[in-house]
């Protein structure tokens, strides 16, 4: 999308998509990847449509928090990249396809919090997509891994970098160099996912957390996310300085005054997003 082009609402954009669905309720927008015949494998069409919906979500005041998940019919969050597309590319074509921002950066850089609701396999590019999210909640049946090495390649969507930051170098080496696929419980134990839920509690937990976030000031959410992201991308002193700057910036917002007034008056705040 060009810089001078304004996206429609996320609902309008998703209506024109074949592989991505969207709905919103109480400021929580759900993006559902829906390519069931290929278990949500990331082909060029799905990547492009997901980018378009994320552009619209970023511009929408009706969405404060995003849930990213896979359609139940696909029986996967994202099973990986589309291997047939990869087979047809040479190095120059792949270098062109790898130009940023890709879907991984779109998710990672979104100003609004993104919760990955991992309701099935998240492998290869799917695991990398989940790593780009801010919180990862996995269904107990989910499987995760970076099996690219089995195809004679390696992770190329940020997996060697984001996975290492999440689980440490040793665990990242184990998963990336062996291609081992792990279950949700082990993924939680090593820090790849944050929570694992049974079938009865999975959806409730995802939307309980999303709702708690969506009840907060959008401005505070955005700056708090920026500060936390900076913690793994800068040294400690620079991170603390950045946090202090963002904290002070919030004192110029109407939401800061509204939040404190609501607390002192024992009422729910009415956020103005400014």
Foldseek 3Di string as FASTA:
>chain_A
DDPPDQADALQVLQVPADFWHWDDDLQEIEIEGHPQVQLSADDPRSFVSLLSSLSNLLVDPSHQEYEQAYDVSNQWRYQEHDVVVVVPDDPVRVVVVLDPDTLLCSQLVRLHAYEYLTEAEQEQVSLSSNLSGDAYEYEQHYKYAYQVVVVVDFRRSCLCPSVCLQQNDVVSCVRGVVVDIGTPVVCCVRRSHVYYDYPVCRVVVVVVVRNVSSLAQSLVNSLVSVLVVVPSVDDPVVSVVSNVVSVVVCVPDPRVVQVVVCVVVVHRGDHPND
